[in-house]
Amino acid sequence: MNRPALTTLLALLAAAAAAEDQPQRATLPPPPEVKQGEVIEPEVTIIEGKDRTVEQYSVRGHVYMIKVTPRVGPPYYLYDLDGDGRMDVRQDSPMDIGIPQWVLFSW
C-alpha cells in the first residue's frame, strides 16, 4: 500500500470511531406552563402614614417581607423567616440576628 492511501484510511477510521464515542445530547423538558391569571411577581401593598411608609410584600396571600421607610432616616426591612406569618426577631444567638439592609449607595 502506498502512504497517502494508508493515511486517508486511518483518518476515515479515526473519524468513524470518534463519531461513535460522542454521547447523544440530552433533551431538555419544556418549561412549565403558566396558568392564566397566575401571579408570578410578589404583590406589594403600600401603606402611607404620617411618619413612615410601609410596603408589604406577599406571595399567594402570605406576607414574607415588610419594608419600612421612615420620613427621616434610611429604610429597614422585616422578614418572615419560617413562614408562620409573624415577622421574626431572633435574640438567642448572635449569628441569628436580623441584619439591617440599608442602601448605602445608589445611582
PDB file of N, CA and C in Angstrom:
ATOM      1  N   MET A   1       0.833  -1.179   0.000  1.00  0.00           N
ATOM      2  CA  MET A   1       0.000   0.000   0.000  1.00  0.00           C
ATOM      3  C   MET A   1       0.871   1.233   0.000  1.00  0.00           C
ATOM      4  N   ASN A   2       0.386   2.227  -0.657  1.00  0.00           N
ATOM      5  CA  ASN A   2       1.162   3.471  -0.660  1.00  0.00           C
ATOM      6  C   ASN A   2       0.776   4.320   0.549  1.00  0.00           C
ATOM      7  N   ARG A   3       1.632   5.222   0.900  1.00  0.00           N
ATOM      8  CA  ARG A   3       1.490   6.022   2.125  1.00  0.00           C
ATOM      9  C   ARG A   3       0.244   6.934   2.107  1.00  0.00           C
ATOM     10  N   PRO A   4      -0.119   7.664   1.032  1.00  0.00           N
ATOM     11  CA  PRO A   4      -1.306   8.518   1.071  1.00  0.00           C
ATOM     12  C   PRO A   4      -2.602   7.728   1.279  1.00  0.00           C
ATOM     13  N   ALA A   5      -2.702   6.549   0.690  1.00  0.00           N
ATOM     14  CA  ALA A   5      -3.917   5.748   0.857  1.00  0.00           C
ATOM     15  C   ALA A   5      -4.046   5.271   2.304  1.00  0.00           C
ATOM     16  N   LEU A   6      -2.918   4.874   2.910  1.00  0.00           N
ATOM     17  CA  LEU A   6      -2.927   4.423   4.296  1.00  0.00           C
ATOM     18  C   LEU A   6      -3.297   5.567   5.238  1.00  0.00           C
ATOM     19  N   THR A   7      -2.788   6.763   4.977  1.00  0.00           N
ATOM     20  CA  THR A   7      -3.106   7.932   5.798  1.00  0.00           C
ATOM     21  C   THR A   7      -4.589   8.275   5.696  1.00  0.00           C
ATOM     22  N   THR A   8      -5.134   8.212   4.495  1.00  0.00           N
ATOM     23  CA  THR A   8      -6.553   8.506   4.294  1.00  0.00           C
ATOM     24  C   THR A   8      -7.427   7.471   5.001  1.00  0.00           C
ATOM     25  N   LEU A   9      -7.043   6.190   4.899  1.00  0.00           N
ATOM     26  CA  LEU A   9      -7.798   5.128   5.544  1.00  0.00           C
ATOM     27  C   LEU A   9      -7.792   5.294   7.069  1.00  0.00           C
ATOM     28  N   LEU A  10      -6.642   5.623   7.648  1.00  0.00           N
ATOM     29  CA  LEU A  10      -6.553   5.838   9.094  1.00  0.00           C
ATOM     30  C   LEU A  10      -7.382   7.048   9.534  1.00  0.00           C
ATOM     31  N   ALA A  11      -7.371   8.097   8.730  1.00  0.00           N
ATOM     32  CA  ALA A  11      -8.153   9.287   9.067  1.00  0.00           C
ATOM     33  C   ALA A  11      -9.645   8.979   9.048  1.00  0.00           C
ATOM     34  N   LEU A  12     -10.108   8.208   8.066  1.00  0.00           N
ATOM     35  CA  LEU A  12     -11.520   7.842   7.994  1.00  0.00           C
ATOM     36  C   LEU A  12     -11.928   6.941   9.159  1.00  0.00           C
ATOM     37  N   LEU A  13     -11.066   5.985   9.526  1.00  0.00           N
ATOM     38  CA  LEU A  13     -11.371   5.105  10.648  1.00  0.00           C
ATOM     39  C   LEU A  13     -11.408   5.880  11.970  1.00  0.00           C
ATOM     40  N   ALA A  14     -10.501   6.837  12.139  1.00  0.00           N
ATOM     41  CA  ALA A  14     -10.484   7.645  13.361  1.00  0.00           C
ATOM     42  C   ALA A  14     -11.730   8.519  13.451  1.00  0.00           C
ATOM     43  N   ALA A  15     -12.160   9.069  12.328  1.00  0.00           N
ATOM     44  CA  ALA A  15     -13.363   9.901  12.324  1.00  0.00           C
ATOM     45  C   ALA A  15     -14.599   9.063  12.645  1.00  0.00           C
ATOM     46  N   ALA A  16     -14.675   7.847  12.116  1.00  0.00           N
ATOM     47  CA  ALA A  16     -15.816   6.975  12.390  1.00  0.00           C
ATOM     48  C   ALA A  16     -15.838   6.565  13.866  1.00  0.00           C
ATOM     49  N   ALA A  17     -14.667   6.275  14.437  1.00  0.00           N
ATOM     50  CA  ALA A  17     -14.605   5.896  15.853  1.00  0.00           C
ATOM     51  C   ALA A  17     -14.978   7.073  16.753  1.00  0.00           C
ATOM     52  N   ALA A  18     -14.563   8.272  16.388  1.00  0.00           N
ATOM     53  CA  ALA A  18     -14.889   9.452  17.188  1.00  0.00           C
ATOM     54  C   ALA A  18     -16.384   9.751  17.124  1.00  0.00           C
ATOM     55  N   ALA A  19     -17.002   9.497  15.985  1.00  0.00           N
ATOM     56  CA  ALA A  19     -18.432   9.753  15.844  1.00  0.00           C
ATOM     57  C   ALA A  19     -19.242   8.787  16.708  1.00  0.00           C
ATOM     58  N   GLU A  20     -18.765   7.553  16.882  1.00  0.00           N
ATOM     59  CA  GLU A  20     -19.477   6.579  17.703  1.00  0.00           C
ATOM     60  C   GLU A  20     -19.336   6.891  19.192  1.00  0.00           C
ATOM     61  N   ASP A  21     -18.224   7.493  19.614  1.00  0.00           N
ATOM     62  CA  ASP A  21     -17.964   7.747  21.025  1.00  0.00           C
ATOM     63  C   ASP A  21     -18.719   8.954  21.571  1.00  0.00           C
ATOM     64  N   GLN A  22     -19.217   9.828  20.726  1.00  0.00           N
ATOM     65  CA  GLN A  22     -19.893  11.024  21.209  1.00  0.00           C
ATOM     66  C   GLN A  22     -21.252  10.652  21.800  1.00  0.00           C
ATOM     67  N   PRO A  23     -21.530  11.096  23.041  1.00  0.00           N
ATOM     68  CA  PRO A  23     -22.837  10.795  23.633  1.00  0.00           C
ATOM     69  C   PRO A  23     -23.930  11.625  22.964  1.00  0.00           C
ATOM     70  N   GLN A  24     -25.119  11.105  23.021  1.00  0.00           N
ATOM     71  CA  GLN A  24     -26.236  11.840  22.447  1.00  0.00           C
ATOM     72  C   GLN A  24     -26.569  13.018  23.343  1.00  0.00           C
ATOM     73  N   ARG A  25     -27.000  14.086  22.749  1.00  0.00           N
ATOM     74  CA  ARG A  25     -27.366  15.273  23.516  1.00  0.00           C
ATOM     75  C   ARG A  25     -28.647  15.008  24.289  1.00  0.00           C
ATOM     76  N   ALA A  26     -28.635  15.445  25.541  1.00  0.00           N
ATOM     77  CA  ALA A  26     -29.824  15.285  26.371  1.00  0.00           C
ATOM     78  C   ALA A  26     -30.880  16.295  25.939  1.00  0.00           C
ATOM     79  N   THR A  27     -32.092  15.834  25.875  1.00  0.00           N
ATOM     80  CA  THR A  27     -33.170  16.748  25.516  1.00  0.00           C
ATOM     81  C   THR A  27     -33.736  17.343  26.798  1.00  0.00           C
ATOM     82  N   LEU A  28     -33.901  18.642  26.814  1.00  0.00           N
ATOM     83  CA  LEU A  28     -34.426  19.341  27.975  1.00  0.00           C
ATOM     84  C   LEU A  28     -35.945  19.317  27.950  1.00  0.00           C
ATOM     85  N   PRO A  29     -36.564  19.147  29.120  1.00  0.00           N
ATOM     86  CA  PRO A  29     -38.028  19.188  29.136  1.00  0.00           C
ATOM     87  C   PRO A  29     -38.506  20.611  28.880  1.00  0.00           C
ATOM     88  N   PRO A  30     -39.697  20.754  28.350  1.00  0.00           N
ATOM     89  CA  PRO A  30     -40.208  22.111  28.095  1.00  0.00           C
ATOM     90  C   PRO A  30     -40.449  22.837  29.417  1.00  0.00           C
ATOM     91  N   PRO A  31     -40.377  24.165  29.420  1.00  0.00           N
ATOM     92  CA  PRO A  31     -40.625  24.913  30.654  1.00  0.00           C
ATOM     93  C   PRO A  31     -42.076  24.742  31.098  1.00  0.00           C
ATOM     94  N   PRO A  32     -42.320  24.837  32.405  1.00  0.00           N
ATOM     95  CA  PRO A  32     -43.703  24.677  32.869  1.00  0.00           C
ATOM     96  C   PRO A  32     -44.595  25.789  32.340  1.00  0.00           C
ATOM     97  N   GLU A  33     -45.811  25.423  32.040  1.00  0.00           N
ATOM     98  CA  GLU A  33     -46.750  26.403  31.506  1.00  0.00           C
ATOM     99  C   GLU A  33     -47.290  27.280  32.627  1.00  0.00           C
ATOM    100  N   VAL A  34     -47.502  28.538  32.326  1.00  0.00           N
ATOM    101  CA  VAL A  34     -48.067  29.479  33.286  1.00  0.00           C
ATOM    102  C   VAL A  34     -49.573  29.506  33.078  1.00  0.00           C
ATOM    103  N   LYS A  35     -50.302  29.239  34.154  1.00  0.00           N
ATOM    104  CA  LYS A  35     -51.756  29.249  34.056  1.00  0.00           C
ATOM    105  C   LYS A  35     -52.244  30.681  33.924  1.00  0.00           C
ATOM    106  N   GLN A  36     -53.354  30.850  33.244  1.00  0.00           N
ATOM    107  CA  GLN A  36     -53.926  32.175  33.074  1.00  0.00           C
ATOM    108  C   GLN A  36     -54.342  32.729  34.429  1.00  0.00           C
ATOM    109  N   GLY A  37     -53.973  33.965  34.692  1.00  0.00           N
ATOM    110  CA  GLY A  37     -54.343  34.610  35.937  1.00  0.00           C
ATOM    111  C   GLY A  37     -53.414  34.304  37.097  1.00  0.00           C
ATOM    112  N   GLU A  38     -52.416  33.448  36.898  1.00  0.00           N
ATOM    113  CA  GLU A  38     -51.495  33.114  37.979  1.00  0.00           C
ATOM    114  C   GLU A  38     -50.508  34.260  38.166  1.00  0.00           C
ATOM    115  N   VAL A  39     -50.344  34.690  39.409  1.00  0.00           N
ATOM    116  CA  VAL A  39     -49.458  35.801  39.711  1.00  0.00           C
ATOM    117  C   VAL A  39     -48.051  35.260  39.916  1.00  0.00           C
ATOM    118  N   ILE A  40     -47.103  35.755  39.137  1.00  0.00           N
ATOM    119  CA  ILE A  40     -45.722  35.314  39.250  1.00  0.00           C
ATOM    120  C   ILE A  40     -44.944  36.260  40.146  1.00  0.00           C
ATOM    121  N   GLU A  41     -45.199  37.536  40.058  1.00  0.00           N
ATOM    122  CA  GLU A  41     -44.476  38.527  40.845  1.00  0.00           C
ATOM    123  C   GLU A  41     -45.146  38.714  42.199  1.00  0.00           C
ATOM    124  N   PRO A  42     -44.374  39.165  43.204  1.00  0.00           N
ATOM    125  CA  PRO A  42     -44.986  39.412  44.510  1.00  0.00           C
ATOM    126  C   PRO A  42     -45.925  40.613  44.456  1.00  0.00           C
ATOM    127  N   GLU A  43     -46.942  40.565  45.307  1.00  0.00           N
ATOM    128  CA  GLU A  43     -47.865  41.687  45.432  1.00  0.00           C
ATOM    129  C   GLU A  43     -47.304  42.646  46.467  1.00  0.00           C
ATOM    130  N   VAL A  44     -47.356  43.935  46.186  1.00  0.00           N
ATOM    131  CA  VAL A  44     -46.837  44.944  47.099  1.00  0.00           C
ATOM    132  C   VAL A  44     -47.994  45.834  47.533  1.00  0.00           C
ATOM    133  N   THR A  45     -48.203  45.906  48.852  1.00  0.00           N
ATOM    134  CA  THR A  45     -49.224  46.774  49.428  1.00  0.00           C
ATOM    135  C   THR A  45     -48.516  47.928  50.113  1.00  0.00           C
ATOM    136  N   ILE A  46     -48.823  49.162  49.709  1.00  0.00           N
ATOM    137  CA  ILE A  46     -48.166  50.345  50.262  1.00  0.00           C
ATOM    138  C   ILE A  46     -49.137  51.046  51.203  1.00  0.00           C
ATOM    139  N   ILE A  47     -48.667  51.255  52.437  1.00  0.00           N
ATOM    140  CA  ILE A  47     -49.472  51.929  53.459  1.00  0.00           C
ATOM    141  C   ILE A  47     -48.747  53.210  53.846  1.00  0.00           C
ATOM    142  N   GLU A  48     -49.376  54.352  53.557  1.00  0.00           N
ATOM    143  CA  GLU A  48     -48.788  55.657  53.875  1.00  0.00           C
ATOM    144  C   GLU A  48     -49.214  56.078  55.275  1.00  0.00           C
ATOM    145  N   GLY A  49     -48.254  56.525  56.087  1.00  0.00           N
ATOM    146  CA  GLY A  49     -48.544  57.040  57.414  1.00  0.00           C
ATOM    147  C   GLY A  49     -48.001  58.449  57.553  1.00  0.00           C
ATOM    148  N   LYS A  50     -48.224  59.064  58.730  1.00  0.00           N
ATOM    149  CA  LYS A  50     -47.714  60.424  58.937  1.00  0.00           C
ATOM    150  C   LYS A  50     -46.192  60.447  58.991  1.00  0.00           C
ATOM    151  N   ASP A  51     -45.610  59.444  59.633  1.00  0.00           N
ATOM    152  CA  ASP A  51     -44.167  59.479  59.845  1.00  0.00           C
ATOM    153  C   ASP A  51     -43.416  58.376  59.113  1.00  0.00           C
ATOM    154  N   ARG A  52     -44.124  57.513  58.362  1.00  0.00           N
ATOM    155  CA  ARG A  52     -43.447  56.427  57.660  1.00  0.00           C
ATOM    156  C   ARG A  52     -44.318  55.864  56.543  1.00  0.00           C
ATOM    157  N   THR A  53     -43.667  55.140  55.637  1.00  0.00           N
ATOM    158  CA  THR A  53     -44.345  54.399  54.579  1.00  0.00           C
ATOM    159  C   THR A  53     -43.997  52.931  54.758  1.00  0.00           C
ATOM    160  N   VAL A  54     -45.008  52.070  54.749  1.00  0.00           N
ATOM    161  CA  VAL A  54     -44.808  50.635  54.944  1.00  0.00           C
ATOM    162  C   VAL A  54     -45.190  49.926  53.652  1.00  0.00           C
ATOM    163  N   GLU A  55     -44.282  49.081  53.155  1.00  0.00           N
ATOM    164  CA  GLU A  55     -44.543  48.274  51.964  1.00  0.00           C
ATOM    165  C   GLU A  55     -44.553  46.814  52.387  1.00  0.00           C
ATOM    166  N   GLN A  56     -45.664  46.117  52.137  1.00  0.00           N
ATOM    167  CA  GLN A  56     -45.782  44.705  52.482  1.00  0.00           C
ATOM    168  C   GLN A  56     -45.675  43.882  51.206  1.00  0.00           C
ATOM    169  N   TYR A  57     -44.718  42.966  51.164  1.00  0.00           N
ATOM    170  CA  TYR A  57     -44.504  42.095  50.019  1.00  0.00           C
ATOM    171  C   TYR A  57     -45.110  40.734  50.340  1.00  0.00           C
ATOM    172  N   SER A  58     -45.997  40.245  49.462  1.00  0.00           N
ATOM    173  CA  SER A  58     -46.642  38.962  49.711  1.00  0.00           C
ATOM    174  C   SER A  58     -46.711  38.153  48.424  1.00  0.00           C
ATOM    175  N   VAL A  59     -46.703  36.836  48.609  1.00  0.00           N
ATOM    176  CA  VAL A  59     -46.876  35.892  47.511  1.00  0.00           C
ATOM    177  C   VAL A  59     -47.953  34.911  47.941  1.00  0.00           C
ATOM    178  N   ARG A  60     -48.956  34.744  47.119  1.00  0.00           N
ATOM    179  CA  ARG A  60     -50.088  33.855  47.389  1.00  0.00           C
ATOM    180  C   ARG A  60     -50.758  34.174  48.724  1.00  0.00           C
ATOM    181  N   GLY A  61     -50.845  35.455  49.050  1.00  0.00           N
ATOM    182  CA  GLY A  61     -51.546  35.889  50.243  1.00  0.00           C
ATOM    183  C   GLY A  61     -50.746  35.852  51.532  1.00  0.00           C
ATOM    184  N   HIS A  62     -49.484  35.436  51.487  1.00  0.00           N
ATOM    185  CA  HIS A  62     -48.649  35.368  52.683  1.00  0.00           C
ATOM    186  C   HIS A  62     -47.598  36.471  52.632  1.00  0.00           C
ATOM    187  N   VAL A  63     -47.557  37.306  53.664  1.00  0.00           N
ATOM    188  CA  VAL A  63     -46.568  38.383  53.743  1.00  0.00           C
ATOM    189  C   VAL A  63     -45.235  37.773  54.149  1.00  0.00           C
ATOM    190  N   TYR A  64     -44.195  37.984  53.340  1.00  0.00           N
ATOM    191  CA  TYR A  64     -42.884  37.433  53.661  1.00  0.00           C
ATOM    192  C   TYR A  64     -41.860  38.519  53.968  1.00  0.00           C
ATOM    193  N   MET A  65     -42.153  39.784  53.648  1.00  0.00           N
ATOM    194  CA  MET A  65     -41.200  40.851  53.912  1.00  0.00           C
ATOM    195  C   MET A  65     -41.958  42.160  54.061  1.00  0.00           C
ATOM    196  N   ILE A  66     -41.461  43.005  54.958  1.00  0.00           N
ATOM    197  CA  ILE A  66     -42.015  44.341  55.150  1.00  0.00           C
ATOM    198  C   ILE A  66     -40.870  45.333  55.069  1.00  0.00           C
ATOM    199  N   LYS A  67     -41.053  46.372  54.260  1.00  0.00           N
ATOM    200  CA  LYS A  67     -40.071  47.449  54.153  1.00  0.00           C
ATOM    201  C   LYS A  67     -40.683  48.689  54.790  1.00  0.00           C
ATOM    202  N   VAL A  68     -39.987  49.219  55.797  1.00  0.00           N
ATOM    203  CA  VAL A  68     -40.457  50.415  56.489  1.00  0.00           C
ATOM    204  C   VAL A  68     -39.532  51.560  56.113  1.00  0.00           C
ATOM    205  N   THR A  69     -40.100  52.618  55.529  1.00  0.00           N
ATOM    206  CA  THR A  69     -39.327  53.791  55.139  1.00  0.00           C
ATOM    207  C   THR A  69     -39.793  54.969  55.984  1.00  0.00           C
ATOM    208  N   PRO A  70     -39.011  55.337  57.027  1.00  0.00           N
ATOM    209  CA  PRO A  70     -39.406  56.497  57.830  1.00  0.00           C
ATOM    210  C   PRO A  70     -39.184  57.792  57.058  1.00  0.00           C
ATOM    211  N   ARG A  71     -39.890  58.852  57.467  1.00  0.00           N
ATOM    212  CA  ARG A  71     -39.702  60.149  56.800  1.00  0.00           C
ATOM    213  C   ARG A  71     -38.271  60.640  56.967  1.00  0.00           C
ATOM    214  N   VAL A  72     -37.690  60.367  58.125  1.00  0.00           N
ATOM    215  CA  VAL A  72     -36.307  60.754  58.397  1.00  0.00           C
ATOM    216  C   VAL A  72     -35.525  59.478  58.666  1.00  0.00           C
ATOM    217  N   GLY A  73     -34.476  59.246  57.892  1.00  0.00           N
ATOM    218  CA  GLY A  73     -33.644  58.071  58.105  1.00  0.00           C
ATOM    219  C   GLY A  73     -33.770  57.069  56.975  1.00  0.00           C
ATOM    220  N   PRO A  74     -32.908  56.067  56.996  1.00  0.00           N
ATOM    221  CA  PRO A  74     -32.920  55.060  55.934  1.00  0.00           C
ATOM    222  C   PRO A  74     -34.019  54.017  56.155  1.00  0.00           C
ATOM    223  N   PRO A  75     -34.445  53.337  55.088  1.00  0.00           N
ATOM    224  CA  PRO A  75     -35.453  52.288  55.247  1.00  0.00           C
ATOM    225  C   PRO A  75     -34.853  51.043  55.907  1.00  0.00           C
ATOM    226  N   TYR A  76     -35.717  50.235  56.528  1.00  0.00           N
ATOM    227  CA  TYR A  76     -35.278  48.964  57.084  1.00  0.00           C
ATOM    228  C   TYR A  76     -36.313  47.901  56.748  1.00  0.00           C
ATOM    229  N   TYR A  77     -35.889  46.627  56.873  1.00  0.00           N
ATOM    230  CA  TYR A  77     -36.700  45.501  56.428  1.00  0.00           C
ATOM    231  C   TYR A  77     -36.982  44.552  57.583  1.00  0.00           C
ATOM    232  N   LEU A  78     -38.153  43.927  57.555  1.00  0.00           N
ATOM    233  CA  LEU A  78     -38.536  42.864  58.476  1.00  0.00           C
ATOM    234  C   LEU A  78     -38.894  41.639  57.634  1.00  0.00           C
ATOM    235  N   TYR A  79     -38.458  40.451  58.066  1.00  0.00           N
ATOM    236  CA  TYR A  79     -38.658  39.227  57.294  1.00  0.00           C
ATOM    237  C   TYR A  79     -39.414  38.180  58.099  1.00  0.00           C
ATOM    238  N   ASP A  80     -40.213  37.388  57.401  1.00  0.00           N
ATOM    239  CA  ASP A  80     -40.831  36.197  57.979  1.00  0.00           C
ATOM    240  C   ASP A  80     -39.945  35.027  57.565  1.00  0.00           C
ATOM    241  N   LEU A  81     -39.054  34.613  58.446  1.00  0.00           N
ATOM    242  CA  LEU A  81     -38.042  33.627  58.087  1.00  0.00           C
ATOM    243  C   LEU A  81     -38.569  32.198  58.045  1.00  0.00           C
ATOM    244  N   ASP A  82     -39.572  31.868  58.875  1.00  0.00           N
ATOM    245  CA  ASP A  82     -40.039  30.485  58.919  1.00  0.00           C
ATOM    246  C   ASP A  82     -41.446  30.291  58.349  1.00  0.00           C
ATOM    247  N   GLY A  83     -42.042  31.327  57.796  1.00  0.00           N
ATOM    248  CA  GLY A  83     -43.322  31.199  57.106  1.00  0.00           C
ATOM    249  C   GLY A  83     -44.537  31.061  57.999  1.00  0.00           C
ATOM    250  N   ASP A  84     -44.435  31.463  59.282  1.00  0.00           N
ATOM    251  CA  ASP A  84     -45.581  31.341  60.179  1.00  0.00           C
ATOM    252  C   ASP A  84     -46.465  32.582  60.193  1.00  0.00           C
ATOM    253  N   GLY A  85     -46.122  33.606  59.422  1.00  0.00           N
ATOM    254  CA  GLY A  85     -46.928  34.813  59.346  1.00  0.00           C
ATOM    255  C   GLY A  85     -46.522  35.896  60.321  1.00  0.00           C
ATOM    256  N   ARG A  86     -45.552  35.628  61.170  1.00  0.00           N
ATOM    257  CA  ARG A  86     -45.062  36.622  62.127  1.00  0.00           C
ATOM    258  C   ARG A  86     -43.656  37.039  61.726  1.00  0.00           C
ATOM    259  N   MET A  87     -43.401  38.335  61.780  1.00  0.00           N
ATOM    260  CA  MET A  87     -42.068  38.825  61.467  1.00  0.00           C
ATOM    261  C   MET A  87     -41.127  38.413  62.599  1.00  0.00           C
ATOM    262  N   ASP A  88     -40.027  37.772  62.244  1.00  0.00           N
ATOM    263  CA  ASP A  88     -39.153  37.155  63.236  1.00  0.00           C
ATOM    264  C   ASP A  88     -38.070  38.094  63.722  1.00  0.00           C
ATOM    265  N   VAL A  89     -37.840  38.021  65.028  1.00  0.00           N
ATOM    266  CA  VAL A  89     -36.705  38.681  65.667  1.00  0.00           C
ATOM    267  C   VAL A  89     -36.055  37.612  66.518  1.00  0.00           C
ATOM    268  N   ARG A  90     -34.823  37.278  66.223  1.00  0.00           N
ATOM    269  CA  ARG A  90     -34.134  36.231  66.967  1.00  0.00           C
ATOM    270  C   ARG A  90     -33.058  36.854  67.829  1.00  0.00           C
ATOM    271  N   GLN A  91     -33.075  36.497  69.111  1.00  0.00           N
ATOM    272  CA  GLN A  91     -32.075  37.015  70.025  1.00  0.00           C
ATOM    273  C   GLN A  91     -31.360  35.889  70.759  1.00  0.00           C
ATOM    274  N   ASP A  92     -31.571  34.641  70.364  1.00  0.00           N
ATOM    275  CA  ASP A  92     -30.958  33.529  71.064  1.00  0.00           C
ATOM    276  C   ASP A  92     -29.517  33.271  70.643  1.00  0.00           C
ATOM    277  N   SER A  93     -29.090  33.783  69.521  1.00  0.00           N
ATOM    278  CA  SER A  93     -27.721  33.588  69.065  1.00  0.00           C
ATOM    279  C   SER A  93     -27.267  34.841  68.328  1.00  0.00           C
ATOM    280  N   PRO A  94     -26.014  35.240  68.536  1.00  0.00           N
ATOM    281  CA  PRO A  94     -25.532  36.420  67.802  1.00  0.00           C
ATOM    282  C   PRO A  94     -25.508  36.208  66.293  1.00  0.00           C
ATOM    283  N   MET A  95     -25.446  34.961  65.839  1.00  0.00           N
ATOM    284  CA  MET A  95     -25.408  34.688  64.404  1.00  0.00           C
ATOM    285  C   MET A  95     -26.796  34.780  63.776  1.00  0.00           C
ATOM    286  N   ASP A  96     -27.857  34.753  64.584  1.00  0.00           N
ATOM    287  CA  ASP A  96     -29.220  34.760  64.058  1.00  0.00           C
ATOM    288  C   ASP A  96     -29.879  36.127  64.080  1.00  0.00           C
ATOM    289  N   ILE A  97     -29.134  37.170  64.363  1.00  0.00           N
ATOM    290  CA  ILE A  97     -29.742  38.490  64.452  1.00  0.00           C
ATOM    291  C   ILE A  97     -30.116  38.984  63.062  1.00  0.00           C
ATOM    292  N   GLY A  98     -31.135  39.810  63.009  1.00  0.00           N
ATOM    293  CA  GLY A  98     -31.520  40.414  61.738  1.00  0.00           C
ATOM    294  C   GLY A  98     -30.544  41.518  61.379  1.00  0.00           C
ATOM    295  N   ILE A  99     -30.038  41.477  60.191  1.00  0.00           N
ATOM    296  CA  ILE A  99     -29.056  42.456  59.752  1.00  0.00           C
ATOM    297  C   ILE A  99     -29.779  43.557  58.997  1.00  0.00           C
ATOM    298  N   PRO A 100     -29.603  44.820  59.387  1.00  0.00           N
ATOM    299  CA  PRO A 100     -30.218  45.907  58.630  1.00  0.00           C
ATOM    300  C   PRO A 100     -29.694  45.909  57.194  1.00  0.00           C
ATOM    301  N   GLN A 101     -30.566  46.088  56.248  1.00  0.00           N
ATOM    302  CA  GLN A 101     -30.180  46.088  54.842  1.00  0.00           C
ATOM    303  C   GLN A 101     -30.470  47.455  54.248  1.00  0.00           C
ATOM    304  N   TRP A 102     -29.702  48.410  54.684  1.00  0.00           N
ATOM    305  CA  TRP A 102     -29.862  49.767  54.204  1.00  0.00           C
ATOM    306  C   TRP A 102     -29.108  49.947  52.907  1.00  0.00           C
ATOM    307  N   VAL A 103     -29.619  50.775  52.040  1.00  0.00           N
ATOM    308  CA  VAL A 103     -28.942  51.103  50.790  1.00  0.00           C
ATOM    309  C   VAL A 103     -27.932  52.200  51.092  1.00  0.00           C
ATOM    310  N   LEU A 104     -26.645  51.867  50.937  1.00  0.00           N
ATOM    311  CA  LEU A 104     -25.595  52.839  51.210  1.00  0.00           C
ATOM    312  C   LEU A 104     -25.311  53.711  49.993  1.00  0.00           C
ATOM    313  N   PHE A 105     -25.284  53.084  48.840  1.00  0.00           N
ATOM    314  CA  PHE A 105     -25.016  53.813  47.607  1.00  0.00           C
ATOM    315  C   PHE A 105     -26.045  53.395  46.566  1.00  0.00           C
ATOM    316  N   SER A 106     -26.504  54.326  45.794  1.00  0.00           N
ATOM    317  CA  SER A 106     -27.359  54.001  44.656  1.00  0.00           C
ATOM    318  C   SER A 106     -27.127  55.043  43.575  1.00  0.00           C
ATOM    319  N   TRP A 107     -27.208  54.606  42.341  1.00  0.00           N
ATOM    320  CA  TRP A 107     -27.029  55.520  41.218  1.00  0.00           C
ATOM    321  C   TRP A 107     -27.840  55.040  40.048  1.00  0.00           C
TER     322      TRP A 107
END
